[in-house]
Amino acid sequence: MEDLKEITKLVEKVIKSPRAEPFLQPVDWKALGLFDYPMTVKYPMNLYAIKTKLAEGAYRAVMDVAEDVRLVWNNCMTYNADGSDFYLLANGLSQSFERDFAKLCSKLEKASSSSSSSSSSSSSATAASSGVDSNSGSNDLEPTANEKQKFSRSLFKVTKEELGKIITICDNKCPKALSKNASEDEVEINVDCISPRVFWEIELYMKNCGVEDGKKLKKKVQ
């Protein structure tokens, strides 16, 4: 799959960065005496693990790879204090990755649009005559009230791990959509405040997780 080949190149670029060295292998918390690490970081992830999963074909979509890369940075920033050396290192790598990933998504989107231009032009007249918006799949299209309701119902069907990744997406790309209650250690997602691009990104992620239209579909065992 061409998309996964492109994201593999990006992961390789991250791995080759000298700054990424602390994130290549699993955190040896026992040797480092960080005995609270497993209690704080529920879903450990490292860059070599992502590289291995890519080589084994464990990922189905580019977004799944990106979420694991984000998990690496998020774990570090969750465990280390804001402003510490490791926090700042992870935050810097996160920003660099997001810039490169945005360029990659744009490249893939253009390639997809180019390959489908002939078929889309022939179908546009049919869509117009039937009242169907031929741009309904656009990342910038504002979701309808009904789509937002289905989206909200779907949030209750994802697992805790999947919800954590969704919150990470919002925190990185649309923080205004999150309401954090520090006293109760809770995070609330305000669907109305999610930008269209992030909305459709999360919608696609939930579909990849087997959740669609507020229903949890049976997933294939791999």
C-alpha atoms as a PDB file:
ATOM      1  CA  MET A   1       0.000   0.000   0.000  1.00  0.00           C
ATOM      2  CA  GLU A   2       1.567   3.266  -1.189  1.00  0.00           C
ATOM      3  CA  ASP A   3       0.298   5.321   1.764  1.00  0.00           C
ATOM      4  CA  LEU A   4       1.990   3.016   4.272  1.00  0.00           C
ATOM      5  CA  LYS A   5       5.234   3.116   2.262  1.00  0.00           C
ATOM      6  CA  GLU A   6       5.225   6.912   2.586  1.00  0.00           C
ATOM      7  CA  ILE A   7       4.555   6.891   6.332  1.00  0.00           C
ATOM      8  CA  THR A   8       7.320   4.281   6.724  1.00  0.00           C
ATOM      9  CA  LYS A   9       9.761   6.775   5.191  1.00  0.00           C
ATOM     10  CA  LEU A  10       8.607   9.402   7.674  1.00  0.00           C
ATOM     11  CA  VAL A  11       9.068   7.044  10.635  1.00  0.00           C
ATOM     12  CA  GLU A  12      12.556   6.215   9.364  1.00  0.00           C
ATOM     13  CA  LYS A  13      13.322   9.931   9.229  1.00  0.00           C
ATOM     14  CA  VAL A  14      12.225  10.333  12.847  1.00  0.00           C
ATOM     15  CA  ILE A  15      14.307   7.344  13.951  1.00  0.00           C
ATOM     16  CA  LYS A  16      17.444   8.768  12.273  1.00  0.00           C
ATOM     17  CA  SER A  17      17.152  12.025  14.204  1.00  0.00           C
ATOM     18  CA  PRO A  18      19.765  12.175  17.005  1.00  0.00           C
ATOM     19  CA  ARG A  19      17.100  13.717  19.252  1.00  0.00           C
ATOM     20  CA  ALA A  20      14.958  10.589  18.940  1.00  0.00           C
ATOM     21  CA  GLU A  21      17.477   8.267  20.608  1.00  0.00           C
ATOM     22  CA  PRO A  22      15.654   8.151  24.009  1.00  0.00           C
ATOM     23  CA  PHE A  23      12.491   7.005  22.222  1.00  0.00           C
ATOM     24  CA  LEU A  24      13.901   4.165  20.119  1.00  0.00           C
ATOM     25  CA  GLN A  25      13.581   1.389  22.707  1.00  0.00           C
ATOM     26  CA  PRO A  26      11.089   0.618  25.510  1.00  0.00           C
ATOM     27  CA  VAL A  27      11.694   2.563  28.718  1.00  0.00           C
ATOM     28  CA  ASP A  28      13.697   0.281  31.051  1.00  0.00           C
ATOM     29  CA  TRP A  29      11.829   1.562  34.095  1.00  0.00           C
ATOM     30  CA  LYS A  30      13.123  -1.186  36.391  1.00  0.00           C
ATOM     31  CA  ALA A  31      16.777  -0.404  35.676  1.00  0.00           C
ATOM     32  CA  LEU A  32      16.083   3.313  36.016  1.00  0.00           C
ATOM     33  CA  GLY A  33      14.141   2.841  39.249  1.00  0.00           C
ATOM     34  CA  LEU A  34      11.012   4.432  37.781  1.00  0.00           C
ATOM     35  CA  PHE A  35       8.617   2.107  39.582  1.00  0.00           C
ATOM     36  CA  ASP A  36       5.645   4.422  39.104  1.00  0.00           C
ATOM     37  CA  TYR A  37       6.105   4.383  35.324  1.00  0.00           C
ATOM     38  CA  PRO A  38       3.732   1.450  34.584  1.00  0.00           C
ATOM     39  CA  MET A  39       1.044   3.099  36.692  1.00  0.00           C
ATOM     40  CA  THR A  40       1.351   6.393  34.825  1.00  0.00           C
ATOM     41  CA  VAL A  41       1.957   5.137  31.289  1.00  0.00           C
ATOM     42  CA  LYS A  42      -0.756   2.609  30.495  1.00  0.00           C
ATOM     43  CA  TYR A  43       0.127   2.039  26.829  1.00  0.00           C
ATOM     44  CA  PRO A  44       3.931   2.078  26.308  1.00  0.00           C
ATOM     45  CA  MET A  45       5.198   2.628  22.776  1.00  0.00           C
ATOM     46  CA  ASN A  46       8.586   3.170  21.144  1.00  0.00           C
ATOM     47  CA  LEU A  47       9.826   3.969  17.644  1.00  0.00           C
ATOM     48  CA  TYR A  48      11.443   0.590  16.948  1.00  0.00           C
ATOM     49  CA  ALA A  49       8.172  -1.125  17.856  1.00  0.00           C
ATOM     50  CA  ILE A  50       6.382   1.046  15.285  1.00  0.00           C
ATOM     51  CA  LYS A  51       9.040   0.210  12.680  1.00  0.00           C
ATOM     52  CA  THR A  52       8.579  -3.514  13.398  1.00  0.00           C
ATOM     53  CA  LYS A  53       4.787  -3.276  13.164  1.00  0.00           C
ATOM     54  CA  LEU A  54       5.131  -1.523   9.811  1.00  0.00           C
ATOM     55  CA  ALA A  55       7.465  -4.227   8.516  1.00  0.00           C
ATOM     56  CA  GLU A  56       5.034  -6.929   9.665  1.00  0.00           C
ATOM     57  CA  GLY A  57       2.046  -5.228   8.030  1.00  0.00           C
ATOM     58  CA  ALA A  58       0.278  -4.705  11.349  1.00  0.00           C
ATOM     59  CA  TYR A  59      -1.118  -1.300  10.371  1.00  0.00           C
ATOM     60  CA  ARG A  60      -4.152  -0.859   8.147  1.00  0.00           C
ATOM     61  CA  ALA A  61      -4.022   2.923   7.715  1.00  0.00           C
ATOM     62  CA  VAL A  62      -1.604   5.845   7.849  1.00  0.00           C
ATOM     63  CA  MET A  63      -3.564   7.363  10.727  1.00  0.00           C
ATOM     64  CA  ASP A  64      -2.953   4.275  12.874  1.00  0.00           C
ATOM     65  CA  VAL A  65       0.796   4.725  12.450  1.00  0.00           C
ATOM     66  CA  ALA A  66       0.585   8.425  13.277  1.00  0.00           C
ATOM     67  CA  GLU A  67      -1.355   7.688  16.458  1.00  0.00           C
ATOM     68  CA  ASP A  68       1.330   5.290  17.693  1.00  0.00           C
ATOM     69  CA  VAL A  69       4.025   7.895  16.978  1.00  0.00           C
ATOM     70  CA  ARG A  70       1.977  10.460  18.895  1.00  0.00           C
ATOM     71  CA  LEU A  71       1.636   7.964  21.727  1.00  0.00           C
ATOM     72  CA  VAL A  72       5.441   7.913  22.076  1.00  0.00           C
ATOM     73  CA  TRP A  73       5.578  11.677  22.611  1.00  0.00           C
ATOM     74  CA  ASN A  74       2.398  11.792  24.714  1.00  0.00           C
ATOM     75  CA  ASN A  75       3.665   9.089  27.089  1.00  0.00           C
ATOM     76  CA  CYS A  76       6.865  11.031  27.673  1.00  0.00           C
ATOM     77  CA  MET A  77       5.044  14.311  28.274  1.00  0.00           C
ATOM     78  CA  THR A  78       2.561  12.569  30.575  1.00  0.00           C
ATOM     79  CA  TYR A  79       5.250  11.048  32.773  1.00  0.00           C
ATOM     80  CA  ASN A  80       7.735  13.941  32.816  1.00  0.00           C
ATOM     81  CA  ALA A  81       6.989  17.323  34.316  1.00  0.00           C
ATOM     82  CA  ASP A  82       6.083  20.201  32.013  1.00  0.00           C
ATOM     83  CA  GLY A  83       9.253  22.155  31.300  1.00  0.00           C
ATOM     84  CA  SER A  84      11.644  19.276  32.039  1.00  0.00           C
ATOM     85  CA  ASP A  85      14.312  18.300  29.500  1.00  0.00           C
ATOM     86  CA  PHE A  86      12.496  15.161  28.378  1.00  0.00           C
ATOM     87  CA  TYR A  87       9.144  16.950  28.177  1.00  0.00           C
ATOM     88  CA  LEU A  88      10.614  19.681  25.975  1.00  0.00           C
ATOM     89  CA  LEU A  89      12.429  17.094  23.832  1.00  0.00           C
ATOM     90  CA  ALA A  90       9.219  15.103  23.241  1.00  0.00           C
ATOM     91  CA  ASN A  91       7.235  18.264  22.576  1.00  0.00           C
ATOM     92  CA  GLY A  92       9.778  19.451  20.012  1.00  0.00           C
ATOM     93  CA  LEU A  93       9.792  16.091  18.234  1.00  0.00           C
ATOM     94  CA  SER A  94       6.002  16.056  18.308  1.00  0.00           C
ATOM     95  CA  GLN A  95       5.773  19.446  16.609  1.00  0.00           C
ATOM     96  CA  SER A  96       8.349  18.418  13.996  1.00  0.00           C
ATOM     97  CA  PHE A  97       6.465  15.185  13.298  1.00  0.00           C
ATOM     98  CA  GLU A  98       3.109  16.966  12.967  1.00  0.00           C
ATOM     99  CA  ARG A  99       4.568  19.372  10.401  1.00  0.00           C
ATOM    100  CA  ASP A 100       5.998  16.511   8.335  1.00  0.00           C
ATOM    101  CA  PHE A 101       2.833  14.440   8.735  1.00  0.00           C
ATOM    102  CA  ALA A 102       0.648  17.326   7.567  1.00  0.00           C
ATOM    103  CA  LYS A 103       2.809  17.620   4.423  1.00  0.00           C
ATOM    104  CA  LEU A 104       2.523  13.863   3.880  1.00  0.00           C
ATOM    105  CA  CYS A 105      -1.268  13.928   4.223  1.00  0.00           C
ATOM    106  CA  SER A 106      -1.440  16.795   1.735  1.00  0.00           C
ATOM    107  CA  LYS A 107       0.760  14.854  -0.700  1.00  0.00           C
ATOM    108  CA  LEU A 108      -1.356  11.710  -0.373  1.00  0.00           C
ATOM    109  CA  GLU A 109      -4.563  13.699  -0.735  1.00  0.00           C
ATOM    110  CA  LYS A 110      -3.322  15.323  -3.951  1.00  0.00           C
ATOM    111  CA  ALA A 111      -2.225  11.953  -5.328  1.00  0.00           C
ATOM    112  CA  SER A 112      -5.620  10.477  -4.510  1.00  0.00           C
ATOM    113  CA  SER A 113      -7.439  13.419  -6.097  1.00  0.00           C
ATOM    114  CA  SER A 114      -5.309  13.177  -9.219  1.00  0.00           C
ATOM    115  CA  SER A 115      -5.925   9.447  -9.666  1.00  0.00           C
ATOM    116  CA  SER A 116      -9.669   9.841  -9.203  1.00  0.00           C
ATOM    117  CA  SER A 117     -10.118  13.054 -11.217  1.00  0.00           C
ATOM    118  CA  SER A 118     -11.420  11.276 -14.323  1.00  0.00           C
ATOM    119  CA  SER A 119     -14.010   9.269 -12.410  1.00  0.00           C
ATOM    120  CA  SER A 120     -15.077  12.199 -10.237  1.00  0.00           C
ATOM    121  CA  SER A 121     -15.666  14.443 -13.248  1.00  0.00           C
ATOM    122  CA  SER A 122     -17.963  11.892 -14.821  1.00  0.00           C
ATOM    123  CA  SER A 123     -19.893  11.408 -11.603  1.00  0.00           C
ATOM    124  CA  SER A 124     -20.258  15.103 -10.726  1.00  0.00           C
ATOM    125  CA  ALA A 125     -23.164  15.625 -13.137  1.00  0.00           C
ATOM    126  CA  THR A 126     -24.986  12.638 -11.673  1.00  0.00           C
ATOM    127  CA  ALA A 127     -24.374  13.890  -8.159  1.00  0.00           C
ATOM    128  CA  ALA A 128     -25.662  17.339  -9.026  1.00  0.00           C
ATOM    129  CA  SER A 129     -28.826  16.027 -10.653  1.00  0.00           C
ATOM    130  CA  SER A 130     -29.588  13.765  -7.686  1.00  0.00           C
ATOM    131  CA  GLY A 131     -28.888  16.459  -5.102  1.00  0.00           C
ATOM    132  CA  VAL A 132     -25.799  14.690  -3.730  1.00  0.00           C
ATOM    133  CA  ASP A 133     -22.823  16.833  -2.702  1.00  0.00           C
ATOM    134  CA  SER A 134     -19.860  15.435  -4.646  1.00  0.00           C
ATOM    135  CA  ASN A 135     -17.491  16.947  -2.036  1.00  0.00           C
ATOM    136  CA  SER A 136     -19.084  15.143   0.892  1.00  0.00           C
ATOM    137  CA  GLY A 137     -15.803  13.374   1.675  1.00  0.00           C
ATOM    138  CA  SER A 138     -13.804  16.575   1.962  1.00  0.00           C
ATOM    139  CA  ASN A 139     -11.816  17.006   5.165  1.00  0.00           C
ATOM    140  CA  ASP A 140     -12.961  20.630   5.356  1.00  0.00           C
ATOM    141  CA  LEU A 141     -16.685  19.966   4.941  1.00  0.00           C
ATOM    142  CA  GLU A 142     -18.702  20.988   7.997  1.00  0.00           C
ATOM    143  CA  PRO A 143     -20.441  17.919   9.487  1.00  0.00           C
ATOM    144  CA  THR A 144     -24.230  17.987   9.754  1.00  0.00           C
ATOM    145  CA  ALA A 145     -26.118  17.871  13.052  1.00  0.00           C
ATOM    146  CA  ASN A 146     -27.018  14.249  12.365  1.00  0.00           C
ATOM    147  CA  GLU A 147     -23.365  13.354  11.696  1.00  0.00           C
ATOM    148  CA  LYS A 148     -22.352  15.030  14.951  1.00  0.00           C
ATOM    149  CA  GLN A 149     -24.982  13.011  16.848  1.00  0.00           C
ATOM    150  CA  LYS A 150     -23.698   9.744  15.365  1.00  0.00           C
ATOM    151  CA  PHE A 151     -20.144  10.869  16.143  1.00  0.00           C
ATOM    152  CA  SER A 152     -21.086  11.504  19.796  1.00  0.00           C
ATOM    153  CA  ARG A 153     -22.739   8.091  20.101  1.00  0.00           C
ATOM    154  CA  SER A 154     -19.668   6.443  18.595  1.00  0.00           C
ATOM    155  CA  LEU A 155     -17.466   7.977  21.302  1.00  0.00           C
ATOM    156  CA  PHE A 156     -19.296   5.835  23.863  1.00  0.00           C
ATOM    157  CA  LYS A 157     -18.528   2.661  21.882  1.00  0.00           C
ATOM    158  CA  VAL A 158     -14.730   2.941  21.647  1.00  0.00           C
ATOM    159  CA  THR A 159     -12.395   1.298  24.142  1.00  0.00           C
ATOM    160  CA  LYS A 160     -10.498   3.290  26.766  1.00  0.00           C
ATOM    161  CA  GLU A 161      -7.315   2.980  24.702  1.00  0.00           C
ATOM    162  CA  GLU A 162      -9.072   4.185  21.563  1.00  0.00           C
ATOM    163  CA  LEU A 163     -10.661   7.072  23.478  1.00  0.00           C
ATOM    164  CA  GLY A 164      -7.229   8.006  24.771  1.00  0.00           C
ATOM    165  CA  LYS A 165      -5.930   8.240  21.204  1.00  0.00           C
ATOM    166  CA  ILE A 166      -8.932  10.364  20.197  1.00  0.00           C
ATOM    167  CA  ILE A 167      -8.229  12.743  23.075  1.00  0.00           C
ATOM    168  CA  THR A 168      -4.578  12.889  21.971  1.00  0.00           C
ATOM    169  CA  ILE A 169      -5.649  13.868  18.439  1.00  0.00           C
ATOM    170  CA  CYS A 170      -7.828  16.664  19.847  1.00  0.00           C
ATOM    171  CA  ASP A 171      -5.127  17.798  22.254  1.00  0.00           C
ATOM    172  CA  ASN A 172      -2.548  18.019  19.447  1.00  0.00           C
ATOM    173  CA  LYS A 173      -4.733  19.438  16.681  1.00  0.00           C
ATOM    174  CA  CYS A 174      -7.820  21.016  18.225  1.00  0.00           C
ATOM    175  CA  PRO A 175      -7.296  21.642  21.964  1.00  0.00           C
ATOM    176  CA  LYS A 176     -10.266  24.030  22.112  1.00  0.00           C
ATOM    177  CA  ALA A 177     -12.517  20.954  21.795  1.00  0.00           C
ATOM    178  CA  LEU A 178     -11.332  19.613  25.160  1.00  0.00           C
ATOM    179  CA  SER A 179     -12.631  20.725  28.544  1.00  0.00           C
ATOM    180  CA  LYS A 180     -10.275  19.538  31.276  1.00  0.00           C
ATOM    181  CA  ASN A 181     -11.405  19.256  34.899  1.00  0.00           C
ATOM    182  CA  ALA A 182      -8.207  19.063  36.908  1.00  0.00           C
ATOM    183  CA  SER A 183      -9.962  18.487  40.248  1.00  0.00           C
ATOM    184  CA  GLU A 184     -11.829  15.433  38.932  1.00  0.00           C
ATOM    185  CA  ASP A 185      -9.123  14.327  36.485  1.00  0.00           C
ATOM    186  CA  GLU A 186     -11.668  14.247  33.664  1.00  0.00           C
ATOM    187  CA  VAL A 187     -11.573  15.369  30.034  1.00  0.00           C
ATOM    188  CA  GLU A 188     -14.741  16.216  28.132  1.00  0.00           C
ATOM    189  CA  ILE A 189     -14.885  16.355  24.322  1.00  0.00           C
ATOM    190  CA  ASN A 190     -17.046  19.147  22.918  1.00  0.00           C
ATOM    191  CA  VAL A 191     -18.039  17.864  19.484  1.00  0.00           C
ATOM    192  CA  ASP A 192     -19.322  21.263  18.359  1.00  0.00           C
ATOM    193  CA  CYS A 193     -15.853  22.762  18.880  1.00  0.00           C
ATOM    194  CA  ILE A 194     -13.978  20.167  16.814  1.00  0.00           C
ATOM    195  CA  SER A 195     -12.772  21.570  13.492  1.00  0.00           C
ATOM    196  CA  PRO A 196     -14.125  19.798  10.379  1.00  0.00           C
ATOM    197  CA  ARG A 197     -10.699  18.411   9.420  1.00  0.00           C
ATOM    198  CA  VAL A 198     -10.120  16.903  12.878  1.00  0.00           C
ATOM    199  CA  PHE A 199     -13.749  15.690  13.020  1.00  0.00           C
ATOM    200  CA  TRP A 200     -13.343  13.621   9.846  1.00  0.00           C
ATOM    201  CA  GLU A 201      -9.912  12.396  10.948  1.00  0.00           C
ATOM    202  CA  ILE A 202     -11.374  11.037  14.189  1.00  0.00           C
ATOM    203  CA  GLU A 203     -14.414   9.710  12.332  1.00  0.00           C
ATOM    204  CA  LEU A 204     -12.088   7.716  10.055  1.00  0.00           C
ATOM    205  CA  TYR A 205     -10.096   6.475  13.052  1.00  0.00           C
ATOM    206  CA  MET A 206     -13.273   5.216  14.773  1.00  0.00           C
ATOM    207  CA  LYS A 207     -14.326   3.409  11.600  1.00  0.00           C
ATOM    208  CA  ASN A 208     -10.913   1.736  11.516  1.00  0.00           C
ATOM    209  CA  CYS A 209     -11.573   0.695  15.130  1.00  0.00           C
ATOM    210  CA  GLY A 210     -14.823  -0.961  14.054  1.00  0.00           C
ATOM    211  CA  VAL A 211     -17.165   1.774  15.274  1.00  0.00           C
ATOM    212  CA  GLU A 212     -19.581   3.329  12.804  1.00  0.00           C
ATOM    213  CA  ASP A 213     -22.882   5.239  13.159  1.00  0.00           C
ATOM    214  CA  GLY A 214     -22.774   4.802  16.930  1.00  0.00           C
ATOM    215  CA  LYS A 215     -22.436   1.015  16.680  1.00  0.00           C
ATOM    216  CA  LYS A 216     -19.553  -1.282  17.523  1.00  0.00           C
ATOM    217  CA  LEU A 217     -19.068  -3.615  14.572  1.00  0.00           C
ATOM    218  CA  LYS A 218     -17.501  -7.029  14.879  1.00  0.00           C
ATOM    219  CA  LYS A 219     -13.811  -6.762  14.047  1.00  0.00           C
ATOM    220  CA  LYS A 220     -11.811  -9.416  12.244  1.00  0.00           C
ATOM    221  CA  VAL A 221      -9.333 -11.343  14.362  1.00  0.00           C
ATOM    222  CA  GLN A 222      -5.848 -10.892  12.965  1.00  0.00           C
END
